[in-house]
PDB file of all heavy atoms in Angstrom:
ATOM      1  N   HIS A   1      11.191   1.289  -4.384  1.00  0.00           N
ATOM      2  CA  HIS A   1      12.302   0.390  -4.068  1.00  0.00           C
ATOM      3  C   HIS A   1      13.136   0.079  -5.315  1.00  0.00           C
ATOM      4  O   HIS A   1      14.357   0.027  -5.249  1.00  0.00           O
ATOM      5  CB  HIS A   1      11.762  -0.903  -3.448  1.00  0.00           C
ATOM      6  CG  HIS A   1      12.812  -1.906  -3.120  1.00  0.00           C
ATOM      7  ND1 HIS A   1      13.669  -1.756  -2.054  1.00  0.00           N
ATOM      8  CD2 HIS A   1      13.156  -3.071  -3.719  1.00  0.00           C
ATOM      9  CE1 HIS A   1      14.495  -2.792  -2.010  1.00  0.00           C
ATOM     10  NE2 HIS A   1      14.206  -3.602  -2.999  1.00  0.00           N
ATOM     11  N   TYR A   2      12.467  -0.117  -6.430  1.00  0.00           N
ATOM     12  CA  TYR A   2      13.171  -0.477  -7.661  1.00  0.00           C
ATOM     13  C   TYR A   2      13.560   0.739  -8.503  1.00  0.00           C
ATOM     14  O   TYR A   2      14.043   0.595  -9.621  1.00  0.00           O
ATOM     15  CB  TYR A   2      12.327  -1.462  -8.483  1.00  0.00           C
ATOM     16  CG  TYR A   2      12.199  -2.802  -7.796  1.00  0.00           C
ATOM     17  CD1 TYR A   2      10.981  -3.251  -7.317  1.00  0.00           C
ATOM     18  CD2 TYR A   2      13.320  -3.618  -7.599  1.00  0.00           C
ATOM     19  CE1 TYR A   2      10.872  -4.473  -6.669  1.00  0.00           C
ATOM     20  CE2 TYR A   2      13.219  -4.833  -6.949  1.00  0.00           C
ATOM     21  CZ  TYR A   2      11.993  -5.257  -6.487  1.00  0.00           C
ATOM     22  OH  TYR A   2      11.897  -6.463  -5.840  1.00  0.00           O
ATOM     23  N   GLY A   3      13.351   1.954  -7.974  1.00  0.00           N
ATOM     24  CA  GLY A   3      13.801   3.168  -8.647  1.00  0.00           C
ATOM     25  C   GLY A   3      12.926   3.612  -9.805  1.00  0.00           C
ATOM     26  O   GLY A   3      13.344   4.447 -10.598  1.00  0.00           O
ATOM     27  N   GLU A   4      11.719   3.096  -9.889  1.00  0.00           N
ATOM     28  CA  GLU A   4      10.818   3.481 -10.982  1.00  0.00           C
ATOM     29  C   GLU A   4      10.191   4.853 -10.742  1.00  0.00           C
ATOM     30  O   GLU A   4       9.828   5.535 -11.699  1.00  0.00           O
ATOM     31  CB  GLU A   4       9.729   2.423 -11.161  1.00  0.00           C
ATOM     32  CG  GLU A   4      10.275   1.068 -11.575  1.00  0.00           C
ATOM     33  CD  GLU A   4       9.202  -0.016 -11.578  1.00  0.00           C
ATOM     34  OE1 GLU A   4       7.995   0.311 -11.588  1.00  0.00           O
ATOM     35  OE2 GLU A   4       9.595  -1.198 -11.564  1.00  0.00           O
ATOM     36  N   ILE A   5      10.033   5.221  -9.483  1.00  0.00           N
ATOM     37  CA  ILE A   5       9.525   6.546  -9.136  1.00  0.00           C
ATOM     38  C   ILE A   5      10.393   7.117  -8.018  1.00  0.00           C
ATOM     39  O   ILE A   5      11.122   6.390  -7.350  1.00  0.00           O
ATOM     40  CB  ILE A   5       8.029   6.526  -8.714  1.00  0.00           C
ATOM     41  CG1 ILE A   5       7.823   5.658  -7.462  1.00  0.00           C
ATOM     42  CG2 ILE A   5       7.137   6.069  -9.852  1.00  0.00           C
ATOM     43  CD1 ILE A   5       6.405   5.704  -6.913  1.00  0.00           C
ATOM     44  N   GLU A   6      10.296   8.431  -7.828  1.00  0.00           N
ATOM     45  CA  GLU A   6      11.100   9.106  -6.810  1.00  0.00           C
ATOM     46  C   GLU A   6      10.655   8.690  -5.401  1.00  0.00           C
ATOM     47  O   GLU A   6       9.462   8.508  -5.139  1.00  0.00           O
ATOM     48  CB  GLU A   6      10.943  10.619  -6.970  1.00  0.00           C
ATOM     49  CG  GLU A   6      11.846  11.413  -6.070  1.00  0.00           C
ATOM     50  CD  GLU A   6      11.729  12.906  -6.342  1.00  0.00           C
ATOM     51  OE1 GLU A   6      11.429  13.288  -7.482  1.00  0.00           O
ATOM     52  OE2 GLU A   6      11.948  13.664  -5.388  1.00  0.00           O
ATOM     53  N   HIS A   7      11.622   8.544  -4.512  1.00  0.00           N
ATOM     54  CA  HIS A   7      11.326   8.196  -3.120  1.00  0.00           C
ATOM     55  C   HIS A   7      10.618   9.350  -2.439  1.00  0.00           C
ATOM     56  O   HIS A   7      10.981  10.514  -2.627  1.00  0.00           O
ATOM     57  CB  HIS A   7      12.610   7.868  -2.361  1.00  0.00           C
ATOM     58  CG  HIS A   7      13.156   6.523  -2.695  1.00  0.00           C
ATOM     59  ND1 HIS A   7      12.945   5.426  -1.895  1.00  0.00           N
ATOM     60  CD2 HIS A   7      13.879   6.085  -3.737  1.00  0.00           C
ATOM     61  CE1 HIS A   7      13.539   4.383  -2.440  1.00  0.00           C
ATOM     62  NE2 HIS A   7      14.112   4.753  -3.565  1.00  0.00           N
ATOM     63  N   ARG A   8       9.597   9.012  -1.664  1.00  0.00           N
ATOM     64  CA  ARG A   8       8.881   9.986  -0.851  1.00  0.00           C
ATOM     65  C   ARG A   8       8.224   9.225   0.293  1.00  0.00           C
ATOM     66  O   ARG A   8       8.019   8.017   0.190  1.00  0.00           O
ATOM     67  CB  ARG A   8       7.839  10.741  -1.676  1.00  0.00           C
ATOM     68  CG  ARG A   8       6.655   9.890  -2.109  1.00  0.00           C
ATOM     69  CD  ARG A   8       5.728  10.665  -3.041  1.00  0.00           C
ATOM     70  NE  ARG A   8       4.424  10.083  -3.181  1.00  0.00           N
ATOM     71  CZ  ARG A   8       4.128   9.001  -3.882  1.00  0.00           C
ATOM     72  NH1 ARG A   8       5.079   8.352  -4.523  1.00  0.00           N
ATOM     73  NH2 ARG A   8       2.900   8.549  -3.968  1.00  0.00           N
ATOM     74  N   PRO A   9       7.914   9.885   1.386  1.00  0.00           N
ATOM     75  CA  PRO A   9       7.255   9.187   2.488  1.00  0.00           C
ATOM     76  C   PRO A   9       5.808   8.871   2.122  1.00  0.00           C
ATOM     77  O   PRO A   9       5.063   9.759   1.676  1.00  0.00           O
ATOM     78  CB  PRO A   9       7.344  10.162   3.659  1.00  0.00           C
ATOM     79  CG  PRO A   9       7.659  11.495   3.074  1.00  0.00           C
ATOM     80  CD  PRO A   9       8.256  11.267   1.728  1.00  0.00           C
ATOM     81  N   ILE A  10       5.435   7.607   2.283  1.00  0.00           N
ATOM     82  CA  ILE A  10       4.063   7.176   1.994  1.00  0.00           C
ATOM     83  C   ILE A  10       3.577   6.258   3.104  1.00  0.00           C
ATOM     84  O   ILE A  10       4.365   5.696   3.855  1.00  0.00           O
ATOM     85  CB  ILE A  10       3.943   6.439   0.636  1.00  0.00           C
ATOM     86  CG1 ILE A  10       4.753   5.138   0.640  1.00  0.00           C
ATOM     87  CG2 ILE A  10       4.316   7.342  -0.518  1.00  0.00           C
ATOM     88  CD1 ILE A  10       4.479   4.236  -0.563  1.00  0.00           C
ATOM     89  N   TYR A  11       2.267   6.135   3.178  1.00  0.00           N
ATOM     90  CA  TYR A  11       1.643   5.116   4.017  1.00  0.00           C
ATOM     91  C   TYR A  11       0.361   4.709   3.324  1.00  0.00           C
ATOM     92  O   TYR A  11      -0.125   5.385   2.411  1.00  0.00           O
ATOM     93  CB  TYR A  11       1.411   5.597   5.456  1.00  0.00           C
ATOM     94  CG  TYR A  11       0.340   6.656   5.614  1.00  0.00           C
ATOM     95  CD1 TYR A  11      -0.947   6.312   6.019  1.00  0.00           C
ATOM     96  CD2 TYR A  11       0.610   7.998   5.379  1.00  0.00           C
ATOM     97  CE1 TYR A  11      -1.920   7.272   6.182  1.00  0.00           C
ATOM     98  CE2 TYR A  11      -0.356   8.969   5.540  1.00  0.00           C
ATOM     99  CZ  TYR A  11      -1.625   8.606   5.950  1.00  0.00           C
ATOM    100  OH  TYR A  11      -2.591   9.560   6.109  1.00  0.00           O
ATOM    101  N   GLY A  12      -0.164   3.567   3.723  1.00  0.00           N
ATOM    102  CA  GLY A  12      -1.379   3.085   3.096  1.00  0.00           C
ATOM    103  C   GLY A  12      -1.763   1.740   3.654  1.00  0.00           C
ATOM    104  O   GLY A  12      -1.416   1.396   4.783  1.00  0.00           O
ATOM    105  N   GLU A  13      -2.446   0.961   2.829  1.00  0.00           N
ATOM    106  CA  GLU A  13      -2.984  -0.316   3.274  1.00  0.00           C
ATOM    107  C   GLU A  13      -2.307  -1.461   2.537  1.00  0.00           C
ATOM    108  O   GLU A  13      -2.046  -1.373   1.340  1.00  0.00           O
ATOM    109  CB  GLU A  13      -4.489  -0.367   3.006  1.00  0.00           C
ATOM    110  CG  GLU A  13      -5.258   0.719   3.728  1.00  0.00           C
ATOM    111  CD  GLU A  13      -6.708   0.787   3.277  1.00  0.00           C
ATOM    112  OE1 GLU A  13      -7.224  -0.213   2.746  1.00  0.00           O
ATOM    113  OE2 GLU A  13      -7.305   1.851   3.461  1.00  0.00           O
ATOM    114  N   ALA A  14      -2.045  -2.527   3.290  1.00  0.00           N
ATOM    115  CA  ALA A  14      -1.497  -3.748   2.706  1.00  0.00           C
ATOM    116  C   ALA A  14      -1.968  -4.914   3.566  1.00  0.00           C
ATOM    117  O   ALA A  14      -2.016  -4.802   4.793  1.00  0.00           O
ATOM    118  CB  ALA A  14       0.025  -3.712   2.663  1.00  0.00           C
ATOM    119  N   SER A  15      -2.308  -5.997   2.928  1.00  0.00           N
ATOM    120  CA  SER A  15      -2.679  -7.197   3.675  1.00  0.00           C
ATOM    121  C   SER A  15      -1.421  -7.780   4.297  1.00  0.00           C
ATOM    122  O   SER A  15      -0.303  -7.462   3.875  1.00  0.00           O
ATOM    123  CB  SER A  15      -3.327  -8.221   2.737  1.00  0.00           C
ATOM    124  OG  SER A  15      -2.346  -8.752   1.863  1.00  0.00           O
ATOM    125  N   PRO A  16      -1.561  -8.646   5.281  1.00  0.00           N
ATOM    126  CA  PRO A  16      -0.365  -9.289   5.854  1.00  0.00           C
ATOM    127  C   PRO A  16       0.466 -10.025   4.793  1.00  0.00           C
ATOM    128  O   PRO A  16       1.691  -9.988   4.823  1.00  0.00           O
ATOM    129  CB  PRO A  16      -0.932 -10.265   6.882  1.00  0.00           C
ATOM    130  CG  PRO A  16      -2.249  -9.676   7.281  1.00  0.00           C
ATOM    131  CD  PRO A  16      -2.765  -9.011   6.034  1.00  0.00           C
ATOM    132  N   GLU A  17      -0.206 -10.648   3.829  1.00  0.00           N
ATOM    133  CA  GLU A  17       0.504 -11.359   2.758  1.00  0.00           C
ATOM    134  C   GLU A  17       1.286 -10.387   1.881  1.00  0.00           C
ATOM    135  O   GLU A  17       2.430 -10.645   1.511  1.00  0.00           O
ATOM    136  CB  GLU A  17      -0.470 -12.176   1.902  1.00  0.00           C
ATOM    137  CG  GLU A  17      -1.152 -13.311   2.642  1.00  0.00           C
ATOM    138  CD  GLU A  17      -2.324 -12.861   3.519  1.00  0.00           C
ATOM    139  OE1 GLU A  17      -2.884 -11.758   3.294  1.00  0.00           O
ATOM    140  OE2 GLU A  17      -2.647 -13.609   4.453  1.00  0.00           O
ATOM    141  N   GLU A  18       0.662  -9.238   1.550  1.00  0.00           N
ATOM    142  CA  GLU A  18       1.356  -8.236   0.736  1.00  0.00           C
ATOM    143  C   GLU A  18       2.553  -7.664   1.491  1.00  0.00           C
ATOM    144  O   GLU A  18       3.623  -7.470   0.910  1.00  0.00           O
ATOM    145  CB  GLU A  18       0.387  -7.102   0.363  1.00  0.00           C
ATOM    146  CG  GLU A  18      -0.685  -7.507  -0.628  1.00  0.00           C
ATOM    147  CD  GLU A  18      -1.745  -6.437  -0.796  1.00  0.00           C
ATOM    148  OE1 GLU A  18      -2.117  -5.773   0.197  1.00  0.00           O
ATOM    149  OE2 GLU A  18      -2.207  -6.261  -1.948  1.00  0.00           O
ATOM    150  N   ALA A  19       2.382  -7.426   2.796  1.00  0.00           N
ATOM    151  CA  ALA A  19       3.489  -6.890   3.591  1.00  0.00           C
ATOM    152  C   ALA A  19       4.639  -7.897   3.648  1.00  0.00           C
ATOM    153  O   ALA A  19       5.804  -7.516   3.498  1.00  0.00           O
ATOM    154  CB  ALA A  19       3.004  -6.546   5.004  1.00  0.00           C
ATOM    155  N   ARG A  20       4.331  -9.178   3.837  1.00  0.00           N
ATOM    156  CA  ARG A  20       5.376 -10.214   3.858  1.00  0.00           C
ATOM    157  C   ARG A  20       6.105 -10.274   2.521  1.00  0.00           C
ATOM    158  O   ARG A  20       7.334 -10.416   2.475  1.00  0.00           O
ATOM    159  CB  ARG A  20       4.776 -11.579   4.182  1.00  0.00           C
ATOM    160  CG  ARG A  20       4.751 -11.865   5.647  1.00  0.00           C
ATOM    161  CD  ARG A  20       4.384 -13.309   5.932  1.00  0.00           C
ATOM    162  NE  ARG A  20       3.491 -13.308   7.072  1.00  0.00           N
ATOM    163  CZ  ARG A  20       2.175 -13.404   7.025  1.00  0.00           C
ATOM    164  NH1 ARG A  20       1.559 -13.574   5.889  1.00  0.00           N
ATOM    165  NH2 ARG A  20       1.462 -13.363   8.119  1.00  0.00           N
ATOM    166  N   ALA A  21       5.358 -10.167   1.430  1.00  0.00           N
ATOM    167  CA  ALA A  21       5.973 -10.205   0.103  1.00  0.00           C
ATOM    168  C   ALA A  21       6.921  -9.012  -0.083  1.00  0.00           C
ATOM    169  O   ALA A  21       8.011  -9.169  -0.627  1.00  0.00           O
ATOM    170  CB  ALA A  21       4.900 -10.210  -0.989  1.00  0.00           C
ATOM    171  N   LEU A  22       6.509  -7.836   0.381  1.00  0.00           N
ATOM    172  CA  LEU A  22       7.380  -6.657   0.288  1.00  0.00           C
ATOM    173  C   LEU A  22       8.663  -6.875   1.094  1.00  0.00           C
ATOM    174  O   LEU A  22       9.759  -6.599   0.611  1.00  0.00           O
ATOM    175  CB  LEU A  22       6.651  -5.409   0.801  1.00  0.00           C
ATOM    176  CG  LEU A  22       5.548  -4.850  -0.090  1.00  0.00           C
ATOM    177  CD1 LEU A  22       4.739  -3.799   0.656  1.00  0.00           C
ATOM    178  CD2 LEU A  22       6.123  -4.281  -1.369  1.00  0.00           C
ATOM    179  N   ILE A  23       8.526  -7.388   2.292  1.00  0.00           N
ATOM    180  CA  ILE A  23       9.698  -7.639   3.145  1.00  0.00           C
ATOM    181  C   ILE A  23      10.607  -8.667   2.493  1.00  0.00           C
ATOM    182  O   ILE A  23      11.831  -8.510   2.487  1.00  0.00           O
ATOM    183  CB  ILE A  23       9.251  -8.074   4.553  1.00  0.00           C
ATOM    184  CG1 ILE A  23       8.594  -6.891   5.260  1.00  0.00           C
ATOM    185  CG2 ILE A  23      10.431  -8.608   5.367  1.00  0.00           C
ATOM    186  CD1 ILE A  23       7.842  -7.252   6.522  1.00  0.00           C
ATOM    187  N   ASP A  24      10.016  -9.721   1.916  1.00  0.00           N
ATOM    188  CA  ASP A  24      10.810 -10.750   1.235  1.00  0.00           C
ATOM    189  C   ASP A  24      11.596 -10.167   0.061  1.00  0.00           C
ATOM    190  O   ASP A  24      12.679 -10.649  -0.273  1.00  0.00           O
ATOM    191  CB  ASP A  24       9.924 -11.892   0.747  1.00  0.00           C
ATOM    192  CG  ASP A  24       9.378 -12.744   1.892  1.00  0.00           C
ATOM    193  OD1 ASP A  24       9.918 -12.648   3.015  1.00  0.00           O
ATOM    194  OD2 ASP A  24       8.415 -13.500   1.657  1.00  0.00           O
ATOM    195  N   GLU A  25      11.054  -9.122  -0.569  1.00  0.00           N
ATOM    196  CA  GLU A  25      11.736  -8.473  -1.692  1.00  0.00           C
ATOM    197  C   GLU A  25      12.786  -7.460  -1.227  1.00  0.00           C
ATOM    198  O   GLU A  25      13.488  -6.878  -2.048  1.00  0.00           O
ATOM    199  CB  GLU A  25      10.712  -7.747  -2.576  1.00  0.00           C
ATOM    200  CG  GLU A  25       9.808  -8.679  -3.350  1.00  0.00           C
ATOM    201  CD  GLU A  25       8.793  -7.919  -4.182  1.00  0.00           C
ATOM    202  OE1 GLU A  25       9.183  -6.936  -4.858  1.00  0.00           O
ATOM    203  OE2 GLU A  25       7.605  -8.303  -4.172  1.00  0.00           O
ATOM    204  N   GLY A  26      12.851  -7.224   0.076  1.00  0.00           N
ATOM    205  CA  GLY A  26      13.831  -6.274   0.594  1.00  0.00           C
ATOM    206  C   GLY A  26      13.284  -4.865   0.761  1.00  0.00           C
ATOM    207  O   GLY A  26      14.042  -3.942   1.047  1.00  0.00           O
ATOM    208  N   VAL A  27      11.993  -4.686   0.574  1.00  0.00           N
ATOM    209  CA  VAL A  27      11.370  -3.374   0.747  1.00  0.00           C
ATOM    210  C   VAL A  27      11.129  -3.173   2.243  1.00  0.00           C
ATOM    211  O   VAL A  27      10.479  -4.002   2.875  1.00  0.00           O
ATOM    212  CB  VAL A  27      10.031  -3.282  -0.023  1.00  0.00           C
ATOM    213  CG1 VAL A  27       9.401  -1.903   0.162  1.00  0.00           C
ATOM    214  CG2 VAL A  27      10.233  -3.589  -1.497  1.00  0.00           C
ATOM    215  N   GLU A  28      11.669  -2.105   2.800  1.00  0.00           N
ATOM    216  CA  GLU A  28      11.489  -1.854   4.232  1.00  0.00           C
ATOM    217  C   GLU A  28      10.119  -1.229   4.465  1.00  0.00           C
ATOM    218  O   GLU A  28       9.841  -0.130   3.992  1.00  0.00           O
ATOM    219  CB  GLU A  28      12.586  -0.938   4.762  1.00  0.00           C
ATOM    220  CG  GLU A  28      13.934  -1.613   4.834  1.00  0.00           C
ATOM    221  CD  GLU A  28      14.957  -0.790   5.589  1.00  0.00           C
ATOM    222  OE1 GLU A  28      14.582  -0.095   6.558  1.00  0.00           O
ATOM    223  OE2 GLU A  28      16.127  -0.857   5.202  1.00  0.00           O
ATOM    224  N   VAL A  29       9.274  -1.951   5.178  1.00  0.00           N
ATOM    225  CA  VAL A  29       7.947  -1.470   5.536  1.00  0.00           C
ATOM    226  C   VAL A  29       7.718  -1.726   7.018  1.00  0.00           C
ATOM    227  O   VAL A  29       8.295  -2.647   7.588  1.00  0.00           O
ATOM    228  CB  VAL A  29       6.826  -2.149   4.708  1.00  0.00           C
ATOM    229  CG1 VAL A  29       6.954  -1.817   3.244  1.00  0.00           C
ATOM    230  CG2 VAL A  29       6.827  -3.652   4.907  1.00  0.00           C
TER     231      VAL A  29
END
């Protein structure tokens, strides 16, 4: 999201709190 690494399709594990934090930062998950 912040351009530190190249975009690629990924999936994995995140707690509900981590997912909410990503969404709050504007990361589409």
